[in-house]
């Protein structure tokens, strides 16, 4: 399967050729991965092989997939320009991400609601689109229907499953909730945007 065929499966059609161009120009390995609860994508550099690798989860809708892909390419560009001493999501990455994403901030690429949220988000990009609740909620609207709920939708005292473990929600914080794992009684802070399943 060619790189164009891979991107056609995952990103908005109007962005395919740009995604391929980035891939060919920057020379990295690109992998589509099974869904991971802890991240949507990542960028890695292996100094032994001198190889750059970008991965993105396969369960993202086309808009979320494209934003994640551009986010990770931003890491690669910042690394190539400034080396490994920079903060992972510092000013160098923010600038690189903005410059990489700019050509795609078009109505033929993104739905108008996503485009509006992205333009606000790019005034000061966060470490992840999940860290921006407005952008995250708008991107979520384009997901396939799902039975899962977000942790923030659960009432205090509700038992739920997350990452194949059972928890009880104890307390709301600003963007996370204090939850107790039922088996070990250990307490954890879990993002309010985590997808969970209620224990009936």
N, C-alpha and C. Protein backbone atom coordinates (compact mmCIF):
# COMPACT_ATOMS: atom_id res chain seq x y z
N UNK A 1 0.85 -1.20 0.00
CA UNK A 1 0.00 0.00 0.00
C UNK A 1 0.88 1.25 0.00
N UNK A 2 0.61 2.19 -0.89
CA UNK A 2 1.42 3.41 -0.96
C UNK A 2 1.06 4.34 0.20
N UNK A 3 1.94 5.31 0.44
CA UNK A 3 1.66 6.25 1.53
C UNK A 3 0.36 7.02 1.26
N UNK A 4 0.11 7.36 0.00
CA UNK A 4 -1.13 8.08 -0.35
C UNK A 4 -2.35 7.24 -0.01
N UNK A 5 -2.28 5.94 -0.28
CA UNK A 5 -3.42 5.05 0.01
C UNK A 5 -3.65 4.94 1.52
N UNK A 6 -2.56 4.93 2.28
CA UNK A 6 -2.70 4.87 3.75
C UNK A 6 -3.39 6.13 4.25
N UNK A 7 -2.88 7.30 3.82
CA UNK A 7 -3.47 8.55 4.31
C UNK A 7 -4.92 8.71 3.87
N UNK A 8 -5.24 8.23 2.66
CA UNK A 8 -6.63 8.33 2.16
C UNK A 8 -7.61 7.66 3.11
N UNK A 9 -7.16 6.61 3.80
CA UNK A 9 -8.03 5.87 4.72
C UNK A 9 -8.29 6.64 6.01
N UNK A 10 -7.39 7.59 6.34
CA UNK A 10 -7.43 8.16 7.69
C UNK A 10 -7.63 9.67 7.80
N UNK A 11 -7.29 10.43 6.76
CA UNK A 11 -7.38 11.90 6.88
C UNK A 11 -8.38 12.46 5.87
N UNK A 12 -8.84 13.71 6.07
CA UNK A 12 -9.74 14.31 5.07
C UNK A 12 -9.07 14.32 3.69
N UNK A 13 -9.86 14.07 2.67
CA UNK A 13 -9.32 13.92 1.31
C UNK A 13 -8.45 15.10 0.87
N UNK A 14 -8.88 16.32 1.21
CA UNK A 14 -8.14 17.51 0.76
C UNK A 14 -6.77 17.65 1.41
N UNK A 15 -6.49 16.82 2.43
CA UNK A 15 -5.19 16.92 3.12
C UNK A 15 -4.22 15.80 2.74
N UNK A 16 -4.67 14.85 1.93
CA UNK A 16 -3.85 13.66 1.64
C UNK A 16 -2.50 14.03 1.03
N UNK A 17 -2.52 14.87 -0.04
CA UNK A 17 -1.26 15.15 -0.74
C UNK A 17 -0.29 15.90 0.18
N UNK A 18 -0.80 16.77 1.06
CA UNK A 18 0.08 17.49 1.99
C UNK A 18 0.71 16.53 3.00
N UNK A 19 -0.09 15.59 3.51
CA UNK A 19 0.43 14.59 4.46
C UNK A 19 1.54 13.76 3.81
N UNK A 20 1.31 13.37 2.56
CA UNK A 20 2.31 12.58 1.83
C UNK A 20 3.58 13.41 1.62
N UNK A 21 3.42 14.68 1.26
CA UNK A 21 4.58 15.56 1.04
C UNK A 21 5.44 15.67 2.29
N UNK A 22 4.80 15.85 3.44
CA UNK A 22 5.55 15.93 4.71
C UNK A 22 6.32 14.62 4.94
N UNK A 23 5.64 13.52 4.71
CA UNK A 23 6.24 12.19 4.92
C UNK A 23 7.47 12.01 4.01
N UNK A 24 7.32 12.39 2.75
CA UNK A 24 8.43 12.19 1.80
C UNK A 24 9.56 13.19 2.04
N UNK A 25 9.21 14.42 2.39
CA UNK A 25 10.25 15.46 2.56
C UNK A 25 11.07 15.25 3.83
N UNK A 26 10.40 14.80 4.90
CA UNK A 26 11.08 14.71 6.19
C UNK A 26 11.69 13.34 6.46
N UNK A 27 11.30 12.35 5.68
CA UNK A 27 11.93 11.03 5.76
C UNK A 27 11.83 10.34 7.12
N UNK A 28 10.61 10.05 7.55
CA UNK A 28 10.42 9.33 8.81
C UNK A 28 9.62 8.05 8.55
N UNK A 29 9.66 7.16 9.51
CA UNK A 29 8.83 5.95 9.43
C UNK A 29 7.46 6.31 10.01
N UNK A 30 6.40 5.91 9.33
CA UNK A 30 5.05 6.24 9.80
C UNK A 30 4.28 4.96 10.06
N UNK A 31 3.69 4.86 11.26
CA UNK A 31 2.93 3.66 11.62
C UNK A 31 1.57 4.05 12.18
N UNK A 32 0.55 3.34 11.73
CA UNK A 32 -0.80 3.51 12.30
C UNK A 32 -0.97 2.40 13.34
N UNK A 33 -1.28 2.81 14.59
CA UNK A 33 -1.31 1.85 15.70
C UNK A 33 -2.73 1.61 16.19
N UNK A 34 -2.91 0.48 16.88
CA UNK A 34 -4.19 0.21 17.55
C UNK A 34 -4.39 1.26 18.64
N UNK A 35 -5.65 1.50 18.99
CA UNK A 35 -5.98 2.54 19.98
C UNK A 35 -5.17 2.36 21.26
N UNK A 36 -4.63 3.47 21.77
CA UNK A 36 -3.91 3.47 23.05
C UNK A 36 -4.61 4.46 23.96
N UNK A 37 -4.91 4.04 25.19
CA UNK A 37 -5.66 4.91 26.13
C UNK A 37 -4.84 6.13 26.53
N UNK A 38 -3.51 5.96 26.58
CA UNK A 38 -2.68 7.03 27.16
C UNK A 38 -2.23 8.07 26.15
N UNK A 39 -2.33 7.78 24.86
CA UNK A 39 -1.90 8.78 23.87
C UNK A 39 -2.57 8.55 22.53
N UNK A 40 -2.66 9.63 21.75
CA UNK A 40 -3.27 9.55 20.42
C UNK A 40 -2.21 9.28 19.36
N UNK A 41 -0.97 9.68 19.66
CA UNK A 41 0.12 9.46 18.71
C UNK A 41 1.43 9.75 19.41
N UNK A 42 2.55 9.46 18.74
CA UNK A 42 3.83 9.88 19.32
C UNK A 42 4.92 10.02 18.25
N UNK A 43 6.00 10.67 18.68
CA UNK A 43 7.18 10.85 17.82
C UNK A 43 8.39 10.35 18.59
N UNK A 44 9.23 9.56 17.92
CA UNK A 44 10.45 9.05 18.56
C UNK A 44 11.63 9.16 17.61
N UNK A 45 12.80 9.43 18.20
CA UNK A 45 14.04 9.42 17.44
C UNK A 45 14.95 8.38 18.05
N UNK A 46 15.47 7.47 17.21
CA UNK A 46 16.40 6.45 17.69
C UNK A 46 17.81 6.85 17.27
N UNK A 47 18.66 7.29 18.24
CA UNK A 47 20.00 7.76 17.87
C UNK A 47 20.88 6.65 17.31
N UNK A 48 20.60 5.38 17.68
CA UNK A 48 21.42 4.28 17.16
C UNK A 48 21.23 4.08 15.66
N UNK A 49 19.97 4.17 15.23
CA UNK A 49 19.68 3.94 13.80
C UNK A 49 19.50 5.25 13.04
N UNK A 50 19.50 6.39 13.80
CA UNK A 50 19.28 7.71 13.21
C UNK A 50 17.91 7.78 12.52
N UNK A 51 16.93 7.08 13.11
CA UNK A 51 15.62 6.96 12.47
C UNK A 51 14.55 7.69 13.27
N UNK A 52 13.69 8.43 12.56
CA UNK A 52 12.55 9.12 13.16
C UNK A 52 11.29 8.29 12.91
N UNK A 53 10.48 8.13 13.93
CA UNK A 53 9.23 7.36 13.78
C UNK A 53 8.06 8.16 14.34
N UNK A 54 6.98 8.20 13.57
CA UNK A 54 5.73 8.83 14.02
C UNK A 54 4.64 7.78 14.00
N UNK A 55 3.86 7.73 15.07
CA UNK A 55 2.72 6.81 15.12
C UNK A 55 1.45 7.60 15.44
N UNK A 56 0.32 7.13 14.91
CA UNK A 56 -0.99 7.73 15.21
C UNK A 56 -1.98 6.58 15.40
N UNK A 57 -2.90 6.74 16.36
CA UNK A 57 -3.90 5.70 16.63
C UNK A 57 -4.89 5.53 15.48
N UNK A 58 -5.29 4.30 15.24
CA UNK A 58 -6.16 4.00 14.08
C UNK A 58 -7.65 4.27 14.33
N UNK A 59 -8.01 4.61 15.58
CA UNK A 59 -9.45 4.77 15.89
C UNK A 59 -9.89 6.24 15.87
N UNK A 60 -9.01 7.13 15.43
CA UNK A 60 -9.36 8.56 15.43
C UNK A 60 -10.19 8.91 14.19
N UNK A 61 -11.10 9.86 14.35
CA UNK A 61 -11.83 10.33 13.17
C UNK A 61 -10.87 11.13 12.28
N UNK A 62 -11.20 11.38 11.01
CA UNK A 62 -10.24 12.01 10.10
C UNK A 62 -9.68 13.34 10.58
N UNK A 63 -10.50 14.18 11.23
CA UNK A 63 -10.00 15.47 11.71
C UNK A 63 -9.01 15.28 12.86
N UNK A 64 -9.38 14.41 13.82
CA UNK A 64 -8.50 14.16 14.97
C UNK A 64 -7.20 13.49 14.51
N UNK A 65 -7.31 12.59 13.52
CA UNK A 65 -6.12 11.91 13.00
C UNK A 65 -5.16 12.94 12.38
N UNK A 66 -5.71 13.86 11.58
CA UNK A 66 -4.88 14.86 10.91
C UNK A 66 -4.22 15.79 11.93
N UNK A 67 -4.98 16.26 12.92
CA UNK A 67 -4.41 17.14 13.95
C UNK A 67 -3.28 16.43 14.69
N UNK A 68 -3.50 15.15 15.03
CA UNK A 68 -2.48 14.38 15.75
C UNK A 68 -1.24 14.18 14.88
N UNK A 69 -1.44 13.85 13.63
CA UNK A 69 -0.32 13.66 12.69
C UNK A 69 0.52 14.94 12.59
N UNK A 70 -0.15 16.08 12.41
CA UNK A 70 0.57 17.36 12.28
C UNK A 70 1.29 17.72 13.59
N UNK A 71 0.66 17.39 14.72
CA UNK A 71 1.27 17.59 16.04
C UNK A 71 2.60 16.84 16.13
N UNK A 72 2.58 15.58 15.72
CA UNK A 72 3.80 14.75 15.81
C UNK A 72 4.86 15.20 14.80
N UNK A 73 4.43 15.59 13.61
CA UNK A 73 5.39 16.12 12.62
C UNK A 73 6.04 17.39 13.19
N UNK A 74 5.27 18.19 13.93
CA UNK A 74 5.81 19.37 14.59
C UNK A 74 6.97 19.01 15.52
N UNK A 75 6.83 17.90 16.27
CA UNK A 75 7.92 17.43 17.14
C UNK A 75 9.18 17.13 16.32
N UNK A 76 8.98 16.44 15.21
CA UNK A 76 10.12 16.05 14.36
C UNK A 76 10.83 17.30 13.81
N UNK A 77 10.06 18.26 13.32
CA UNK A 77 10.63 19.49 12.75
C UNK A 77 11.39 20.26 13.83
N UNK A 78 10.79 20.38 15.03
CA UNK A 78 11.45 21.09 16.13
C UNK A 78 12.75 20.38 16.53
N UNK A 79 12.71 19.06 16.55
CA UNK A 79 13.90 18.27 16.90
C UNK A 79 15.01 18.50 15.87
N UNK A 80 14.63 18.45 14.58
CA UNK A 80 15.65 18.63 13.53
C UNK A 80 16.26 20.04 13.58
N UNK A 81 15.44 21.02 13.96
CA UNK A 81 15.94 22.41 13.99
C UNK A 81 16.75 22.71 15.24
N UNK A 82 16.30 22.19 16.39
CA UNK A 82 16.88 22.64 17.67
C UNK A 82 17.57 21.53 18.48
N UNK A 83 17.42 20.27 18.06
CA UNK A 83 18.04 19.18 18.82
C UNK A 83 17.18 18.75 20.00
N UNK A 84 17.75 17.89 20.83
CA UNK A 84 16.95 17.23 21.86
C UNK A 84 16.85 18.01 23.17
N UNK A 85 17.51 19.16 23.27
CA UNK A 85 17.54 19.88 24.55
C UNK A 85 16.29 20.72 24.80
N UNK A 86 15.42 20.82 23.83
CA UNK A 86 14.23 21.67 23.99
C UNK A 86 13.14 20.97 24.81
N UNK A 87 12.25 21.77 25.40
CA UNK A 87 11.08 21.23 26.11
C UNK A 87 10.18 20.51 25.09
N UNK A 88 9.60 19.33 25.44
CA UNK A 88 8.77 18.60 24.47
C UNK A 88 7.65 19.44 23.86
N UNK A 89 7.00 20.27 24.69
CA UNK A 89 5.91 21.10 24.17
C UNK A 89 6.18 22.58 24.46
N UNK A 90 7.44 22.95 24.31
CA UNK A 90 7.86 24.34 24.53
C UNK A 90 7.64 25.21 23.30
N UNK A 91 8.22 26.41 23.34
CA UNK A 91 7.96 27.39 22.28
C UNK A 91 8.43 26.93 20.90
N UNK A 92 9.51 26.14 20.86
CA UNK A 92 10.02 25.67 19.55
C UNK A 92 9.02 24.72 18.89
N UNK A 93 8.46 23.79 19.72
CA UNK A 93 7.46 22.88 19.17
C UNK A 93 6.20 23.64 18.75
N UNK A 94 5.75 24.58 19.60
CA UNK A 94 4.54 25.34 19.28
C UNK A 94 4.68 26.05 17.93
N UNK A 95 5.86 26.67 17.73
CA UNK A 95 6.09 27.38 16.47
C UNK A 95 6.09 26.42 15.29
N UNK A 96 6.80 25.28 15.45
CA UNK A 96 6.87 24.28 14.36
C UNK A 96 5.49 23.73 14.04
N UNK A 97 4.70 23.41 15.07
CA UNK A 97 3.35 22.86 14.90
C UNK A 97 2.47 23.85 14.14
N UNK A 98 2.53 25.13 14.57
CA UNK A 98 1.73 26.17 13.89
C UNK A 98 2.09 26.25 12.41
N UNK A 99 3.40 26.27 12.13
CA UNK A 99 3.86 26.42 10.73
C UNK A 99 3.46 25.21 9.88
N UNK A 100 3.55 24.02 10.48
CA UNK A 100 3.19 22.79 9.76
C UNK A 100 1.67 22.76 9.49
N UNK A 101 0.89 23.21 10.48
CA UNK A 101 -0.58 23.11 10.37
C UNK A 101 -1.18 24.21 9.50
N UNK A 102 -0.52 25.37 9.46
CA UNK A 102 -1.08 26.54 8.78
C UNK A 102 -1.66 26.25 7.39
N UNK A 103 -0.94 25.54 6.50
CA UNK A 103 -1.48 25.29 5.15
C UNK A 103 -2.76 24.45 5.13
N UNK A 104 -3.06 23.78 6.26
CA UNK A 104 -4.25 22.92 6.31
C UNK A 104 -5.45 23.59 6.97
N UNK A 105 -5.27 24.78 7.49
CA UNK A 105 -6.39 25.46 8.18
C UNK A 105 -7.32 26.09 7.14
N UNK A 106 -8.01 25.22 6.43
CA UNK A 106 -8.86 25.62 5.30
C UNK A 106 -10.23 24.95 5.42
N UNK A 107 -11.29 25.62 4.93
CA UNK A 107 -12.64 25.02 5.02
C UNK A 107 -12.79 23.76 4.17
N UNK A 108 -11.94 23.59 3.15
CA UNK A 108 -12.05 22.35 2.36
C UNK A 108 -11.39 21.16 3.07
N UNK A 109 -10.60 21.45 4.12
CA UNK A 109 -9.96 20.37 4.90
C UNK A 109 -10.77 20.06 6.16
N UNK A 110 -11.07 21.10 6.94
CA UNK A 110 -11.75 20.91 8.23
C UNK A 110 -13.18 21.45 8.18
N UNK A 111 -14.08 20.76 8.86
CA UNK A 111 -15.44 21.26 9.06
C UNK A 111 -15.35 22.63 9.73
N UNK A 112 -16.27 23.51 9.43
CA UNK A 112 -16.19 24.90 9.91
C UNK A 112 -16.09 24.99 11.44
N UNK A 113 -16.78 24.11 12.17
CA UNK A 113 -16.72 24.17 13.64
C UNK A 113 -15.33 23.77 14.15
N UNK A 114 -14.72 22.78 13.49
CA UNK A 114 -13.37 22.34 13.87
C UNK A 114 -12.37 23.45 13.53
N UNK A 115 -12.53 24.04 12.38
CA UNK A 115 -11.63 25.10 11.91
C UNK A 115 -11.62 26.28 12.89
N UNK A 116 -12.80 26.67 13.33
CA UNK A 116 -12.92 27.78 14.27
C UNK A 116 -12.21 27.45 15.59
N UNK A 117 -12.41 26.23 16.10
CA UNK A 117 -11.77 25.81 17.36
C UNK A 117 -10.25 25.72 17.18
N UNK A 118 -9.80 25.23 16.02
CA UNK A 118 -8.36 25.11 15.76
C UNK A 118 -7.68 26.47 15.72
N UNK A 119 -8.34 27.43 15.12
CA UNK A 119 -7.74 28.78 15.02
C UNK A 119 -7.53 29.37 16.41
N UNK A 120 -8.48 29.11 17.32
CA UNK A 120 -8.31 29.58 18.71
C UNK A 120 -7.20 28.78 19.40
N UNK A 121 -7.21 27.48 19.19
CA UNK A 121 -6.23 26.58 19.81
C UNK A 121 -4.81 26.98 19.42
N UNK A 122 -4.61 27.38 18.16
CA UNK A 122 -3.26 27.68 17.68
C UNK A 122 -2.70 29.00 18.19
N UNK A 123 -3.51 29.76 18.92
CA UNK A 123 -2.95 30.96 19.57
C UNK A 123 -1.95 30.54 20.64
N UNK A 124 -2.17 29.36 21.23
CA UNK A 124 -1.22 28.82 22.22
C UNK A 124 -1.46 27.31 22.35
N UNK A 125 -0.91 26.52 21.40
CA UNK A 125 -1.21 25.07 21.39
C UNK A 125 -0.80 24.37 22.68
N UNK A 126 -1.68 23.45 23.12
CA UNK A 126 -1.40 22.66 24.32
C UNK A 126 -0.66 21.37 23.91
N UNK A 127 -0.21 20.64 24.94
CA UNK A 127 0.53 19.40 24.71
C UNK A 127 -0.26 18.38 23.89
N UNK A 128 -1.59 18.45 23.99
CA UNK A 128 -2.43 17.50 23.25
C UNK A 128 -3.76 18.17 22.97
N UNK A 129 -4.40 17.74 21.87
CA UNK A 129 -5.74 18.30 21.59
C UNK A 129 -6.70 17.93 22.72
N UNK A 130 -6.39 16.84 23.47
CA UNK A 130 -7.23 16.45 24.61
C UNK A 130 -7.11 17.46 25.75
N UNK A 131 -6.00 18.22 25.78
CA UNK A 131 -5.80 19.19 26.86
C UNK A 131 -6.64 20.44 26.64
N UNK A 132 -7.17 20.58 25.45
CA UNK A 132 -8.02 21.74 25.16
C UNK A 132 -9.47 21.24 25.10
N UNK A 133 -10.25 21.45 26.19
CA UNK A 133 -11.58 20.83 26.26
C UNK A 133 -12.51 21.22 25.11
N UNK A 134 -12.42 22.47 24.66
CA UNK A 134 -13.34 22.91 23.58
C UNK A 134 -13.00 22.18 22.28
N UNK A 135 -11.71 22.19 21.93
CA UNK A 135 -11.29 21.50 20.69
C UNK A 135 -11.60 20.00 20.79
N UNK A 136 -11.31 19.41 21.96
CA UNK A 136 -11.54 17.97 22.14
C UNK A 136 -13.02 17.62 21.92
N UNK A 137 -13.90 18.42 22.54
CA UNK A 137 -15.35 18.13 22.42
C UNK A 137 -15.81 18.26 20.97
N UNK A 138 -15.29 19.27 20.26
CA UNK A 138 -15.70 19.47 18.86
C UNK A 138 -15.18 18.32 17.99
N UNK A 139 -13.94 17.91 18.21
CA UNK A 139 -13.40 16.77 17.45
C UNK A 139 -14.19 15.49 17.75
N UNK A 140 -14.61 15.32 19.02
CA UNK A 140 -15.35 14.11 19.42
C UNK A 140 -16.68 13.98 18.68
N UNK A 141 -17.26 15.11 18.30
CA UNK A 141 -18.56 15.08 17.62
C UNK A 141 -18.50 14.31 16.30
N UNK A 142 -17.30 14.15 15.75
CA UNK A 142 -17.16 13.49 14.46
C UNK A 142 -16.73 12.02 14.61
N UNK A 143 -16.69 11.54 15.86
CA UNK A 143 -16.39 10.13 16.10
C UNK A 143 -17.57 9.26 15.70
N UNK A 144 -17.28 8.00 15.43
CA UNK A 144 -18.36 7.03 15.24
C UNK A 144 -19.13 6.90 16.55
N UNK A 145 -20.45 6.63 16.48
CA UNK A 145 -21.20 6.46 17.74
C UNK A 145 -20.57 5.37 18.61
N UNK A 146 -20.57 5.60 19.92
CA UNK A 146 -19.92 4.65 20.82
C UNK A 146 -20.74 4.54 22.11
N UNK A 147 -20.61 3.39 22.78
CA UNK A 147 -21.34 3.19 24.05
C UNK A 147 -20.60 3.82 25.22
N UNK A 148 -19.35 4.22 25.01
CA UNK A 148 -18.56 4.71 26.14
C UNK A 148 -18.96 6.14 26.51
N UNK A 149 -18.72 6.47 27.78
CA UNK A 149 -19.01 7.80 28.31
C UNK A 149 -17.69 8.45 28.69
N UNK A 150 -17.71 9.76 28.90
CA UNK A 150 -16.53 10.44 29.43
C UNK A 150 -16.64 10.45 30.95
N UNK A 151 -15.50 10.35 31.62
CA UNK A 151 -15.49 10.30 33.09
C UNK A 151 -16.22 11.50 33.69
N UNK A 152 -16.10 12.67 33.06
CA UNK A 152 -16.74 13.87 33.63
C UNK A 152 -18.27 13.77 33.63
N UNK A 153 -18.82 12.84 32.82
CA UNK A 153 -20.28 12.69 32.78
C UNK A 153 -20.81 11.83 33.92
N UNK A 154 -19.92 11.18 34.67
CA UNK A 154 -20.37 10.28 35.74
C UNK A 154 -20.56 11.05 37.05
N UNK A 155 -21.54 10.62 37.82
CA UNK A 155 -21.78 11.21 39.16
C UNK A 155 -20.75 10.65 40.14
N UNK A 156 -20.48 11.42 41.19
CA UNK A 156 -19.61 10.94 42.28
C UNK A 156 -20.20 9.63 42.83
N UNK A 157 -19.34 8.66 43.10
CA UNK A 157 -19.80 7.37 43.64
C UNK A 157 -20.10 6.32 42.59
N UNK A 158 -19.99 6.71 41.30
CA UNK A 158 -20.27 5.75 40.22
C UNK A 158 -19.07 4.83 40.01
N UNK A 159 -19.35 3.53 39.85
CA UNK A 159 -18.29 2.56 39.55
C UNK A 159 -18.16 2.43 38.03
N UNK A 160 -16.92 2.34 37.58
CA UNK A 160 -16.68 2.29 36.13
C UNK A 160 -15.42 1.50 35.81
N UNK A 161 -15.30 1.15 34.53
CA UNK A 161 -14.10 0.44 34.05
C UNK A 161 -13.30 1.39 33.17
N UNK A 162 -11.99 1.44 33.42
CA UNK A 162 -11.06 2.23 32.60
C UNK A 162 -9.76 1.43 32.50
N UNK A 163 -9.26 1.28 31.29
CA UNK A 163 -8.02 0.50 31.08
C UNK A 163 -8.12 -0.90 31.69
N UNK A 164 -9.29 -1.51 31.56
CA UNK A 164 -9.55 -2.88 32.04
C UNK A 164 -9.49 -3.02 33.56
N UNK A 165 -9.53 -1.89 34.28
CA UNK A 165 -9.55 -1.94 35.74
C UNK A 165 -10.81 -1.25 36.24
N UNK A 166 -11.27 -1.65 37.45
CA UNK A 166 -12.51 -1.09 38.01
C UNK A 166 -12.19 0.01 39.02
N UNK A 167 -12.93 1.10 38.92
CA UNK A 167 -12.72 2.26 39.79
C UNK A 167 -14.05 2.77 40.32
N UNK A 168 -13.96 3.61 41.37
CA UNK A 168 -15.11 4.40 41.82
C UNK A 168 -14.68 5.86 41.75
N UNK A 169 -15.56 6.70 41.23
CA UNK A 169 -15.27 8.14 41.16
C UNK A 169 -15.55 8.77 42.52
N UNK A 170 -14.53 9.46 43.08
CA UNK A 170 -14.66 10.01 44.43
C UNK A 170 -14.84 11.53 44.47
N UNK A 171 -14.15 12.23 43.56
CA UNK A 171 -14.13 13.70 43.69
C UNK A 171 -13.77 14.34 42.35
N UNK A 172 -14.38 15.49 42.08
CA UNK A 172 -14.05 16.25 40.87
C UNK A 172 -12.95 17.26 41.17
N UNK A 173 -11.94 17.31 40.29
CA UNK A 173 -10.96 18.40 40.33
C UNK A 173 -11.23 19.27 39.10
N UNK A 174 -10.26 20.12 38.71
CA UNK A 174 -10.52 21.05 37.61
C UNK A 174 -10.67 20.33 36.27
N UNK A 175 -9.69 19.51 35.91
CA UNK A 175 -9.77 18.80 34.62
C UNK A 175 -9.65 17.29 34.80
N UNK A 176 -9.52 16.87 36.07
CA UNK A 176 -9.39 15.43 36.35
C UNK A 176 -10.27 15.06 37.54
N UNK A 177 -10.42 13.77 37.76
CA UNK A 177 -11.22 13.30 38.89
C UNK A 177 -10.37 12.36 39.75
N UNK A 178 -10.60 12.44 41.07
CA UNK A 178 -9.96 11.49 41.98
C UNK A 178 -10.79 10.21 41.94
N UNK A 179 -10.13 9.09 41.62
CA UNK A 179 -10.83 7.80 41.50
C UNK A 179 -10.06 6.76 42.29
N UNK A 180 -10.81 5.83 42.87
CA UNK A 180 -10.17 4.76 43.64
C UNK A 180 -10.31 3.44 42.90
N UNK A 181 -9.17 2.76 42.71
CA UNK A 181 -9.24 1.43 42.10
C UNK A 181 -9.86 0.48 43.12
N UNK A 182 -10.88 -0.23 42.69
CA UNK A 182 -11.66 -1.06 43.63
C UNK A 182 -10.80 -2.16 44.23
N UNK A 183 -9.98 -2.82 43.43
CA UNK A 183 -9.21 -3.97 43.92
C UNK A 183 -8.10 -3.57 44.88
N UNK A 184 -7.34 -2.53 44.56
CA UNK A 184 -6.16 -2.19 45.37
C UNK A 184 -6.42 -1.07 46.37
N UNK A 185 -7.56 -0.37 46.24
CA UNK A 185 -7.92 0.79 47.07
C UNK A 185 -6.98 1.99 46.83
N UNK A 186 -6.12 1.91 45.82
CA UNK A 186 -5.24 3.04 45.50
C UNK A 186 -6.04 4.14 44.79
N UNK A 187 -5.63 5.39 45.05
CA UNK A 187 -6.32 6.52 44.43
C UNK A 187 -5.50 7.05 43.25
N UNK A 188 -6.21 7.46 42.21
CA UNK A 188 -5.56 7.98 41.00
C UNK A 188 -6.29 9.24 40.53
N UNK A 189 -5.54 10.12 39.87
CA UNK A 189 -6.16 11.25 39.17
C UNK A 189 -6.31 10.84 37.71
N UNK A 190 -7.54 10.82 37.23
CA UNK A 190 -7.80 10.40 35.84
C UNK A 190 -8.44 11.57 35.10
N UNK A 191 -8.02 11.78 33.87
CA UNK A 191 -8.56 12.88 33.06
C UNK A 191 -10.07 12.76 32.93
N UNK A 192 -10.75 13.90 33.05
CA UNK A 192 -12.21 13.92 32.87
C UNK A 192 -12.63 13.52 31.45
N UNK A 193 -11.68 13.58 30.53
CA UNK A 193 -12.00 13.26 29.13
C UNK A 193 -11.71 11.79 28.81
N UNK A 194 -11.33 11.00 29.83
CA UNK A 194 -11.10 9.56 29.61
C UNK A 194 -12.43 8.88 29.28
N UNK A 195 -12.38 7.96 28.31
CA UNK A 195 -13.59 7.20 27.97
C UNK A 195 -13.72 6.02 28.92
N UNK A 196 -14.88 5.89 29.54
CA UNK A 196 -15.08 4.84 30.55
C UNK A 196 -16.38 4.10 30.28
N UNK A 197 -16.50 2.98 30.98
CA UNK A 197 -17.71 2.16 30.83
C UNK A 197 -18.29 1.94 32.24
N UNK A 198 -19.55 2.25 32.42
CA UNK A 198 -20.18 2.12 33.74
C UNK A 198 -20.33 0.64 34.09
N UNK A 199 -20.07 0.32 35.36
CA UNK A 199 -20.30 -1.06 35.85
C UNK A 199 -21.76 -1.11 36.30
N UNK A 200 -22.53 -1.95 35.63
CA UNK A 200 -23.97 -2.04 35.94
C UNK A 200 -24.18 -2.75 37.26
